[in-house]
C-alpha atoms as a PDB file:
ATOM      1  CA  MET A   1       0.175  -0.067   0.043  1.00  0.00           C
ATOM      2  CA  LYS A   2       3.162   2.510   0.963  1.00  0.00           C
ATOM      3  CA  GLU A   3       4.621   1.848  -2.568  1.00  0.00           C
ATOM      4  CA  GLN A   4       0.945   2.302  -4.280  1.00  0.00           C
ATOM      5  CA  LEU A   5       0.837   5.748  -2.432  1.00  0.00           C
ATOM      6  CA  LEU A   6       4.493   7.056  -3.410  1.00  0.00           C
ATOM      7  CA  ARG A   7       3.784   6.204  -6.978  1.00  0.00           C
ATOM      8  CA  LEU A   8       0.420   8.005  -7.205  1.00  0.00           C
ATOM      9  CA  ALA A   9       1.712  11.408  -5.578  1.00  0.00           C
ATOM     10  CA  ILE A  10       4.594  11.209  -8.427  1.00  0.00           C
ATOM     11  CA  GLU A  11       2.058  10.282 -10.547  1.00  0.00           C
ATOM     12  CA  ALA A  12      -0.564  13.511  -9.563  1.00  0.00           C
ATOM     13  CA  GLY A  13       2.842  15.602 -10.200  1.00  0.00           C
ATOM     14  CA  ALA A  14       4.793  15.431  -7.059  1.00  0.00           C
ATOM     15  CA  SER A  15       8.477  16.037  -7.719  1.00  0.00           C
ATOM     16  CA  LYS A  16       9.103  14.026  -4.826  1.00  0.00           C
ATOM     17  CA  ALA A  17       7.237  11.930  -2.458  1.00  0.00           C
ATOM     18  CA  GLU A  18       8.736   9.681   0.904  1.00  0.00           C
ATOM     19  CA  MET A  19       6.740   7.803   3.743  1.00  0.00           C
ATOM     20  CA  ILE A  20       7.419   9.332   7.409  1.00  0.00           C
ATOM     21  CA  ILE A  21       6.015   8.611  10.621  1.00  0.00           C
ATOM     22  CA  SER A  22       4.350  11.231  12.272  1.00  0.00           C
ATOM     23  CA  GLN A  23       6.867  11.456  15.128  1.00  0.00           C
ATOM     24  CA  GLN A  24       9.051  12.548  12.471  1.00  0.00           C
ATOM     25  CA  ILE A  25       6.689  15.938  11.645  1.00  0.00           C
ATOM     26  CA  VAL A  26       7.839  19.001  13.922  1.00  0.00           C
ATOM     27  CA  LEU A  27       4.844  21.076  15.376  1.00  0.00           C
ATOM     28  CA  SER A  28       4.644  24.527  16.696  1.00  0.00           C
ATOM     29  CA  ALA A  29       2.458  26.745  18.009  1.00  0.00           C
ATOM     30  CA  GLU A  30       4.061  29.584  16.572  1.00  0.00           C
ATOM     31  CA  PHE A  31       2.468  29.408  13.597  1.00  0.00           C
ATOM     32  CA  ARG A  32      -1.088  30.296  14.997  1.00  0.00           C
ATOM     33  CA  GLU A  33       0.878  33.691  16.040  1.00  0.00           C
ATOM     34  CA  ALA A  34       1.832  33.979  12.498  1.00  0.00           C
ATOM     35  CA  CYS A  35      -1.688  33.234  11.253  1.00  0.00           C
ATOM     36  CA  GLN A  36      -3.086  35.860  13.925  1.00  0.00           C
ATOM     37  CA  LYS A  37      -1.035  38.817  12.555  1.00  0.00           C
ATOM     38  CA  ASN A  38      -2.657  37.990   9.215  1.00  0.00           C
ATOM     39  CA  ILE A  39       0.388  37.413   7.346  1.00  0.00           C
ATOM     40  CA  CYS A  40      -1.555  36.463   4.599  1.00  0.00           C
ATOM     41  CA  GLY A  41      -4.355  38.090   4.690  1.00  0.00           C
ATOM     42  CA  ARG A  42      -6.488  35.007   5.028  1.00  0.00           C
ATOM     43  CA  TRP A  43      -7.456  35.298   9.015  1.00  0.00           C
ATOM     44  CA  GLY A  44     -11.179  35.247   9.098  1.00  0.00           C
ATOM     45  CA  LYS A  45     -11.753  34.712   5.394  1.00  0.00           C
ATOM     46  CA  CYS A  46     -11.221  31.221   4.197  1.00  0.00           C
ATOM     47  CA  TRP A  47     -13.590  28.332   6.317  1.00  0.00           C
ATOM     48  CA  MET A  48     -10.486  25.763   6.082  1.00  0.00           C
ATOM     49  CA  CYS A  49      -7.904  28.679   8.056  1.00  0.00           C
ATOM     50  CA  PRO A  50      -7.879  29.654  11.153  1.00  0.00           C
ATOM     51  CA  PRO A  51      -9.452  31.083  13.583  1.00  0.00           C
ATOM     52  CA  ASP A  52     -12.430  28.654  12.009  1.00  0.00           C
ATOM     53  CA  ILE A  53     -10.308  25.212  11.732  1.00  0.00           C
ATOM     54  CA  GLY A  54      -9.916  24.713  15.871  1.00  0.00           C
ATOM     55  CA  ASP A  55      -8.057  25.296  18.414  1.00  0.00           C
ATOM     56  CA  ILE A  56      -4.256  24.939  17.592  1.00  0.00           C
ATOM     57  CA  ALA A  57      -3.987  22.367  20.748  1.00  0.00           C
ATOM     58  CA  GLN A  58      -6.436  20.138  18.864  1.00  0.00           C
ATOM     59  CA  LEU A  59      -4.804  20.096  15.408  1.00  0.00           C
ATOM     60  CA  MET A  60      -1.528  19.335  16.778  1.00  0.00           C
ATOM     61  CA  GLU A  61      -2.653  16.575  18.787  1.00  0.00           C
ATOM     62  CA  LYS A  62      -4.736  15.433  15.702  1.00  0.00           C
ATOM     63  CA  ILE A  63      -1.462  14.654  13.868  1.00  0.00           C
ATOM     64  CA  GLY A  64       0.165  12.803  16.225  1.00  0.00           C
ATOM     65  CA  ALA A  65      -2.978  10.190  16.760  1.00  0.00           C
ATOM     66  CA  TYR A  66      -1.784   9.420  12.790  1.00  0.00           C
ATOM     67  CA  GLY A  67       0.749   6.850  12.403  1.00  0.00           C
ATOM     68  CA  ASN A  68       2.125   6.986   8.511  1.00  0.00           C
ATOM     69  CA  GLY A  69       2.241   9.668   6.470  1.00  0.00           C
ATOM     70  CA  ILE A  70       3.374  10.810   2.727  1.00  0.00           C
ATOM     71  CA  TRP A  71       5.467  13.968   2.695  1.00  0.00           C
ATOM     72  CA  TYR A  72       5.607  14.889  -0.516  1.00  0.00           C
ATOM     73  CA  GLN A  73       6.645  17.933  -2.926  1.00  0.00           C
ATOM     74  CA  SER A  74       6.517  19.972  -5.846  1.00  0.00           C
ATOM     75  CA  ILE A  75       9.579  22.006  -7.379  1.00  0.00           C
ATOM     76  CA  HIS A  76       8.824  24.849  -9.718  1.00  0.00           C
ATOM     77  CA  ALA A  77      11.215  27.373 -11.620  1.00  0.00           C
ATOM     78  CA  LEU A  78      10.812  30.614 -11.248  1.00  0.00           C
ATOM     79  CA  GLU A  79      12.209  33.684 -13.820  1.00  0.00           C
ATOM     80  CA  ASP A  80      14.290  35.163 -10.775  1.00  0.00           C
ATOM     81  CA  SER A  81      14.370  35.401  -6.793  1.00  0.00           C
ATOM     82  CA  PHE A  82      11.378  38.419  -7.033  1.00  0.00           C
ATOM     83  CA  ASP A  83       9.353  36.163  -9.349  1.00  0.00           C
ATOM     84  CA  ILE A  84       6.240  36.821  -6.938  1.00  0.00           C
ATOM     85  CA  GLU A  85       3.827  35.783 -10.172  1.00  0.00           C
ATOM     86  CA  GLY A  86       5.723  32.452 -10.794  1.00  0.00           C
ATOM     87  CA  MET A  87       5.280  31.978  -6.687  1.00  0.00           C
ATOM     88  CA  ILE A  88       1.509  32.397  -7.112  1.00  0.00           C
ATOM     89  CA  ALA A  89       1.151  30.119  -9.784  1.00  0.00           C
ATOM     90  CA  ALA A  90       3.283  27.533  -8.624  1.00  0.00           C
ATOM     91  CA  ARG A  91       1.200  27.425  -5.537  1.00  0.00           C
ATOM     92  CA  ARG A  92      -1.883  27.117  -7.712  1.00  0.00           C
ATOM     93  CA  SER A  93       0.255  24.363  -9.226  1.00  0.00           C
ATOM     94  CA  HIS A  94       0.846  22.373  -6.255  1.00  0.00           C
ATOM     95  CA  LEU A  95      -3.091  22.840  -5.124  1.00  0.00           C
ATOM     96  CA  ARG A  96      -4.051  21.607  -7.789  1.00  0.00           C
ATOM     97  CA  LEU A  97      -1.609  18.538  -7.686  1.00  0.00           C
ATOM     98  CA  SER A  98      -2.389  18.594  -3.679  1.00  0.00           C
ATOM     99  CA  HIS A  99      -6.779  18.104  -4.999  1.00  0.00           C
ATOM    100  CA  GLN A 100      -5.748  15.235  -7.754  1.00  0.00           C
ATOM    101  CA  LEU A 101      -4.048  13.061  -5.100  1.00  0.00           C
ATOM    102  CA  GLU A 102      -6.454  13.424  -2.689  1.00  0.00           C
ATOM    103  CA  GLY A 103      -8.949  12.501  -5.264  1.00  0.00           C
ATOM    104  CA  MET A 104      -6.491   9.185  -6.385  1.00  0.00           C
ATOM    105  CA  ILE A 105      -6.265   8.288  -2.594  1.00  0.00           C
ATOM    106  CA  LYS A 106      -9.211   9.009  -1.309  1.00  0.00           C
ATOM    107  CA  PRO A 107     -10.526   5.380  -2.211  1.00  0.00           C
ATOM    108  CA  LEU A 108      -7.720   3.791  -0.497  1.00  0.00           C
ATOM    109  CA  LEU A 109      -7.006   4.941   2.417  1.00  0.00           C
ATOM    110  CA  GLY A 110     -10.579   5.651   4.134  1.00  0.00           C
ATOM    111  CA  GLN A 111     -10.371   7.873   7.332  1.00  0.00           C
ATOM    112  CA  HIS A 112      -6.732  10.096   6.846  1.00  0.00           C
ATOM    113  CA  LEU A 113      -6.014  13.840   6.979  1.00  0.00           C
ATOM    114  CA  HIS A 114      -4.095  15.967   3.556  1.00  0.00           C
ATOM    115  CA  LEU A 115      -3.357  19.251   4.314  1.00  0.00           C
ATOM    116  CA  SER A 116      -1.026  21.303   1.223  1.00  0.00           C
ATOM    117  CA  CYS A 117       0.162  24.792   1.121  1.00  0.00           C
ATOM    118  CA  GLY A 118      -0.948  28.084   1.916  1.00  0.00           C
ATOM    119  CA  GLY A 119      -4.901  27.416   1.909  1.00  0.00           C
ATOM    120  CA  CYS A 120      -7.458  25.523   0.412  1.00  0.00           C
ATOM    121  CA  GLY A 121      -7.560  27.026  -2.739  1.00  0.00           C
ATOM    122  CA  VAL A 122     -10.506  25.258  -3.996  1.00  0.00           C
ATOM    123  CA  CYS A 123     -12.820  28.720  -4.573  1.00  0.00           C
ATOM    124  CA  GLN A 124     -11.314  32.023  -6.014  1.00  0.00           C
ATOM    125  CA  ARG A 125     -13.316  33.576  -3.562  1.00  0.00           C
ATOM    126  CA  CYS A 126     -14.163  31.234  -0.149  1.00  0.00           C
ATOM    127  CA  ALA A 127     -18.017  31.495   1.392  1.00  0.00           C
ATOM    128  CA  ARG A 128     -16.693  32.124   4.361  1.00  0.00           C
ATOM    129  CA  GLU A 129     -16.131  35.904   3.374  1.00  0.00           C
ATOM    130  CA  ASP A 130     -20.066  35.905   2.260  1.00  0.00           C
ATOM    131  CA  HIS A 131     -20.879  34.234   5.513  1.00  0.00           C
ATOM    132  CA  MET A 132     -22.020  31.328   3.787  1.00  0.00           C
ATOM    133  CA  PRO A 133     -21.011  27.600   4.931  1.00  0.00           C
ATOM    134  CA  CYS A 134     -18.095  26.003   2.503  1.00  0.00           C
ATOM    135  CA  ARG A 135     -19.494  25.378  -1.130  1.00  0.00           C
ATOM    136  CA  PHE A 136     -16.898  22.210  -1.299  1.00  0.00           C
ATOM    137  CA  PRO A 137     -16.441  20.607   2.281  1.00  0.00           C
ATOM    138  CA  GLU A 138     -15.208  17.171   0.748  1.00  0.00           C
ATOM    139  CA  GLN A 139     -12.678  18.790  -1.588  1.00  0.00           C
ATOM    140  CA  ALA A 140     -11.403  22.019   1.516  1.00  0.00           C
ATOM    141  CA  MET A 141      -7.940  21.368   2.846  1.00  0.00           C
ATOM    142  CA  SER A 142      -5.763  23.641   5.233  1.00  0.00           C
ATOM    143  CA  SER A 143      -2.563  24.449   5.127  1.00  0.00           C
ATOM    144  CA  LEU A 144       0.512  22.599   6.765  1.00  0.00           C
ATOM    145  CA  GLU A 145       1.168  25.508   8.899  1.00  0.00           C
ATOM    146  CA  ALA A 146      -2.751  26.152  10.063  1.00  0.00           C
ATOM    147  CA  TYR A 147      -2.088  22.651  11.779  1.00  0.00           C
ATOM    148  CA  GLY A 148       0.737  23.651  13.326  1.00  0.00           C
ATOM    149  CA  ILE A 149       3.392  22.260  11.154  1.00  0.00           C
ATOM    150  CA  ASP A 150       7.222  23.855  11.088  1.00  0.00           C
ATOM    151  CA  VAL A 151       7.907  22.258   7.286  1.00  0.00           C
ATOM    152  CA  TYR A 152      11.672  22.908   6.732  1.00  0.00           C
ATOM    153  CA  ARG A 153      12.184  21.187  10.024  1.00  0.00           C
ATOM    154  CA  THR A 154      10.437  18.398   9.214  1.00  0.00           C
ATOM    155  CA  THR A 155      11.623  18.523   5.777  1.00  0.00           C
ATOM    156  CA  VAL A 156      15.251  18.321   7.255  1.00  0.00           C
ATOM    157  CA  SER A 157      14.572  14.753   8.591  1.00  0.00           C
ATOM    158  CA  THR A 158      13.679  13.379   4.938  1.00  0.00           C
ATOM    159  CA  GLN A 159      15.288  12.798   2.119  1.00  0.00           C
ATOM    160  CA  LEU A 160      13.789  15.711  -0.003  1.00  0.00           C
ATOM    161  CA  SER A 161      14.683  19.518   0.575  1.00  0.00           C
ATOM    162  CA  TYR A 162      13.173  22.160   1.323  1.00  0.00           C
ATOM    163  CA  ILE A 163      15.707  24.368  -0.850  1.00  0.00           C
ATOM    164  CA  ASN A 164      15.873  22.960  -4.576  1.00  0.00           C
ATOM    165  CA  GLY A 165      18.606  25.213  -6.148  1.00  0.00           C
ATOM    166  CA  GLN A 166      18.363  29.329  -7.348  1.00  0.00           C
ATOM    167  CA  ASN A 167      14.764  30.356  -8.917  1.00  0.00           C
ATOM    168  CA  THR A 168      13.003  27.826  -7.368  1.00  0.00           C
ATOM    169  CA  VAL A 169      10.116  27.567  -5.679  1.00  0.00           C
ATOM    170  CA  THR A 170       9.236  24.805  -3.667  1.00  0.00           C
ATOM    171  CA  TYR A 171       5.721  23.755  -1.750  1.00  0.00           C
ATOM    172  CA  PHE A 172       4.855  20.830   0.425  1.00  0.00           C
ATOM    173  CA  GLY A 173       1.845  18.637   1.497  1.00  0.00           C
ATOM    174  CA  VAL A 174       1.043  15.569   3.474  1.00  0.00           C
ATOM    175  CA  ILE A 175      -1.129  12.655   3.646  1.00  0.00           C
ATOM    176  CA  LEU A 176      -1.675  11.283   7.198  1.00  0.00           C
ATOM    177  CA  PHE A 177      -3.106   7.945   7.487  1.00  0.00           C
END
């Protein structure tokens, strides 16, 4: 099963993927403080972002309840280090990969938790902004950081690299089961 899941991650478009155990995931409540400072502008504007996803301690506890995971990444070329448009396009590409992968693994895994990069991204404008319920709760996905995952420190314990060369951006995701 594990080899099949890794193969599906690559087929969906991941650059690299490997198995991890939940104890390898480095957690820090400090990421919630960054969310509260609204650095990304999504605080209270997305159902899958804080404060709506719940208490950070409970979310971190939930991560520890899973035994295994697939840690995956996508690596994207940029024109230069200041290519903001390229970074945004790469994020969208990674979210498409995550949602495609979710569709592939859902029938195989049953109960699991899939987290990706920076906010849900299913809708152009989250229904939260219009005081409406989530339009696609089965597809909605929270970010790694919203659950308190330190992506850099977690990646250090894997064969994947956080930095993949000059003029690149790398995004990560995890499927816990």
